[in-house]
């Protein structure tokens, strides 16, 4: 059975280094075979991210939401995408506000960029998430519906917390202080 060219090259290289009398730890590997990645020295701040599937208890619609937000040097950057399966409603937005309520709970908000409801574009959406943990005995992760504020409203994640908090049916939320 023929040996593929790449496998043969790797075997020959290994044999060559093995016969050199030099320990492999002392042999300099070319950067092409083992690129050295620069480690980030930037400290990262609080973050919240995840994907959730849940039933909105008010509309009874099946909701799918993916989001990510991180704070670096006092600036929050992130995005969110949501699709409600039954109604067909969807939106994509930025997240520019992140507030931790506890080490495992956060409120996020930001403007809508695109939506199936064009009247929503530019408005601020606010939602809350809770990380229940990763163990099988931990409580389920939770999320809220959207609170929508008109363009120019001073209300965002720093000033509003949605009181309705529902366990998710699928997905995972990570909140990191």
Protein backbone atom coordinates (compact mmCIF):
# COMPACT_ATOMS: atom_id res chain seq x y z
CA UNK A 1 0.00 0.00 0.00
CA UNK A 2 1.52 3.38 -0.97
CA UNK A 3 2.29 5.90 1.80
CA UNK A 4 0.87 9.37 1.15
CA UNK A 5 3.55 11.96 0.33
CA UNK A 6 2.82 14.16 3.39
CA UNK A 7 3.04 11.19 5.77
CA UNK A 8 6.29 10.05 4.16
CA UNK A 9 7.78 13.55 4.52
CA UNK A 10 6.84 13.72 8.19
CA UNK A 11 8.29 10.27 8.85
CA UNK A 12 11.55 11.15 7.11
CA UNK A 13 11.81 14.44 9.04
CA UNK A 14 11.18 12.64 12.33
CA UNK A 15 13.83 10.04 11.47
CA UNK A 16 16.34 12.75 10.54
CA UNK A 17 15.89 14.60 13.85
CA UNK A 18 15.86 11.29 15.74
CA UNK A 19 19.24 10.33 14.27
CA UNK A 20 20.90 13.68 14.82
CA UNK A 21 21.87 12.82 18.38
CA UNK A 22 20.28 16.04 19.52
CA UNK A 23 17.19 15.90 21.80
CA UNK A 24 14.04 17.04 20.03
CA UNK A 25 13.58 19.77 22.62
CA UNK A 26 16.86 21.35 21.43
CA UNK A 27 15.96 21.22 17.71
CA UNK A 28 14.65 24.52 16.37
CA UNK A 29 11.46 23.92 14.45
CA UNK A 30 10.80 26.18 11.49
CA UNK A 31 8.03 28.74 11.97
CA UNK A 32 6.25 27.34 8.93
CA UNK A 33 5.59 24.06 10.72
CA UNK A 34 4.88 25.58 14.14
CA UNK A 35 3.84 29.23 13.97
CA UNK A 36 4.33 31.17 17.13
CA UNK A 37 1.19 33.05 18.03
CA UNK A 38 1.51 36.29 19.93
CA UNK A 39 -0.29 36.10 23.25
CA UNK A 40 -2.54 39.03 23.95
CA UNK A 41 -1.31 41.20 26.80
CA UNK A 42 -4.55 43.17 26.81
CA UNK A 43 -6.61 42.59 29.93
CA UNK A 44 -10.20 41.77 29.17
CA UNK A 45 -13.03 43.13 31.23
CA UNK A 46 -16.48 41.85 32.06
CA UNK A 47 -18.29 39.93 29.35
CA UNK A 48 -21.54 38.15 28.60
CA UNK A 49 -22.21 35.88 25.67
CA UNK A 50 -24.27 32.93 24.60
CA UNK A 51 -27.03 31.46 22.52
CA UNK A 52 -30.46 30.78 23.97
CA UNK A 53 -33.63 29.05 22.84
CA UNK A 54 -36.68 29.75 24.98
CA UNK A 55 -40.41 30.31 24.92
CA UNK A 56 -41.42 33.90 25.61
CA UNK A 57 -44.03 33.55 28.39
CA UNK A 58 -45.90 36.65 27.20
CA UNK A 59 -46.16 35.93 23.45
CA UNK A 60 -45.61 32.13 23.62
CA UNK A 61 -43.26 32.53 20.65
CA UNK A 62 -40.15 30.36 20.31
CA UNK A 63 -37.17 32.72 20.55
CA UNK A 64 -33.58 32.14 19.39
CA UNK A 65 -31.04 34.77 20.49
CA UNK A 66 -27.25 34.89 20.13
CA UNK A 67 -25.24 37.65 21.75
CA UNK A 68 -21.77 38.69 22.76
CA UNK A 69 -20.53 41.73 24.70
CA UNK A 70 -17.21 42.60 26.29
CA UNK A 71 -15.92 45.68 28.05
CA UNK A 72 -12.36 46.82 27.33
CA UNK A 73 -10.94 50.04 28.72
CA UNK A 74 -14.41 51.20 29.72
CA UNK A 75 -15.89 50.68 26.24
CA UNK A 76 -18.49 47.96 25.58
CA UNK A 77 -18.56 46.27 22.18
CA UNK A 78 -20.79 43.47 21.02
CA UNK A 79 -23.71 42.34 18.95
CA UNK A 80 -26.99 40.48 19.16
CA UNK A 81 -29.19 38.57 16.72
CA UNK A 82 -32.68 37.34 17.54
CA UNK A 83 -35.28 35.38 15.61
CA UNK A 84 -38.79 34.57 16.81
CA UNK A 85 -39.85 31.43 14.96
CA UNK A 86 -43.65 31.66 15.14
CA UNK A 87 -44.08 35.37 14.36
CA UNK A 88 -41.11 35.59 11.97
CA UNK A 89 -39.82 38.67 13.79
CA UNK A 90 -36.03 39.12 13.70
CA UNK A 91 -33.46 41.80 14.43
CA UNK A 92 -29.71 42.40 14.46
CA UNK A 93 -28.14 44.97 16.71
CA UNK A 94 -25.09 46.26 18.45
CA UNK A 95 -24.46 46.02 22.18
CA UNK A 96 -22.87 49.14 23.65
CA UNK A 97 -23.96 48.78 27.28
CA UNK A 98 -23.18 45.94 29.72
CA UNK A 99 -23.99 45.99 33.43
CA UNK A 100 -23.24 43.13 35.79
CA UNK A 101 -25.91 42.71 38.47
CA UNK A 102 -23.90 39.91 40.12
CA UNK A 103 -21.02 37.63 39.08
CA UNK A 104 -23.47 35.55 37.03
CA UNK A 105 -26.16 38.01 35.91
CA UNK A 106 -26.02 40.88 33.40
CA UNK A 107 -28.15 43.43 31.58
CA UNK A 108 -27.23 44.32 27.98
CA UNK A 109 -28.50 46.98 25.59
CA UNK A 110 -27.81 48.67 22.30
CA UNK A 111 -29.30 49.99 19.07
CA UNK A 112 -31.04 47.87 16.44
CA UNK A 113 -29.27 47.95 13.03
CA UNK A 114 -31.66 45.78 10.97
CA UNK A 115 -35.07 44.26 11.64
CA UNK A 116 -38.08 42.67 10.02
CA UNK A 117 -39.94 45.58 11.68
CA UNK A 118 -38.33 48.68 10.13
CA UNK A 119 -39.82 50.90 12.87
CA UNK A 120 -37.47 49.20 15.35
CA UNK A 121 -34.26 50.28 13.53
CA UNK A 122 -32.34 52.79 15.66
CA UNK A 123 -34.27 52.03 18.83
CA UNK A 124 -32.53 50.60 21.90
CA UNK A 125 -33.26 47.03 23.01
CA UNK A 126 -32.52 45.93 26.58
CA UNK A 127 -32.42 42.35 27.85
CA UNK A 128 -31.19 40.48 30.91
CA UNK A 129 -29.30 37.17 31.13
CA UNK A 130 -28.31 34.82 33.95
CA UNK A 131 -25.60 32.16 33.94
CA UNK A 132 -26.80 29.26 36.10
CA UNK A 133 -23.46 27.42 35.94
CA UNK A 134 -22.17 24.41 34.04
CA UNK A 135 -22.90 21.44 36.31
CA UNK A 136 -25.83 19.09 35.91
CA UNK A 137 -27.06 20.09 39.37
CA UNK A 138 -26.84 23.84 38.62
CA UNK A 139 -30.00 25.82 37.88
CA UNK A 140 -30.83 26.55 34.22
CA UNK A 141 -29.55 29.66 32.51
CA UNK A 142 -32.17 32.41 32.20
CA UNK A 143 -33.06 35.32 29.96
CA UNK A 144 -35.67 38.03 29.60
CA UNK A 145 -37.68 39.34 26.70
CA UNK A 146 -36.81 42.66 25.10
CA UNK A 147 -37.55 46.06 26.48
CA UNK A 148 -37.56 48.54 23.59
CA UNK A 149 -36.78 52.24 24.07
CA UNK A 150 -37.29 54.96 21.43
CA UNK A 151 -34.39 56.65 19.64
CA UNK A 152 -32.78 59.21 21.93
CA UNK A 153 -34.13 57.70 25.16
CA UNK A 154 -31.73 57.91 28.11
CA UNK A 155 -32.89 54.46 29.30
CA UNK A 156 -30.39 51.64 28.70
CA UNK A 157 -28.82 48.72 30.59
CA UNK A 158 -27.51 51.07 33.30
CA UNK A 159 -30.99 52.34 34.20
CA UNK A 160 -33.41 49.46 33.49
CA UNK A 161 -33.65 45.78 34.50
CA UNK A 162 -36.38 43.64 32.96
CA UNK A 163 -38.20 41.96 35.86
CA UNK A 164 -39.44 38.97 33.81
CA UNK A 165 -36.69 36.32 33.85
CA UNK A 166 -37.37 32.95 32.19
CA UNK A 167 -35.32 29.69 32.19
CA UNK A 168 -33.99 28.81 28.75
CA UNK A 169 -34.84 25.54 27.05
CA UNK A 170 -31.58 25.16 25.16
CA UNK A 171 -28.24 26.88 24.70
CA UNK A 172 -25.72 28.31 27.13
CA UNK A 173 -25.01 31.67 28.71
CA UNK A 174 -21.62 32.75 30.06
CA UNK A 175 -21.28 35.83 32.29
CA UNK A 176 -17.77 36.73 33.40
CA UNK A 177 -16.99 39.57 35.84
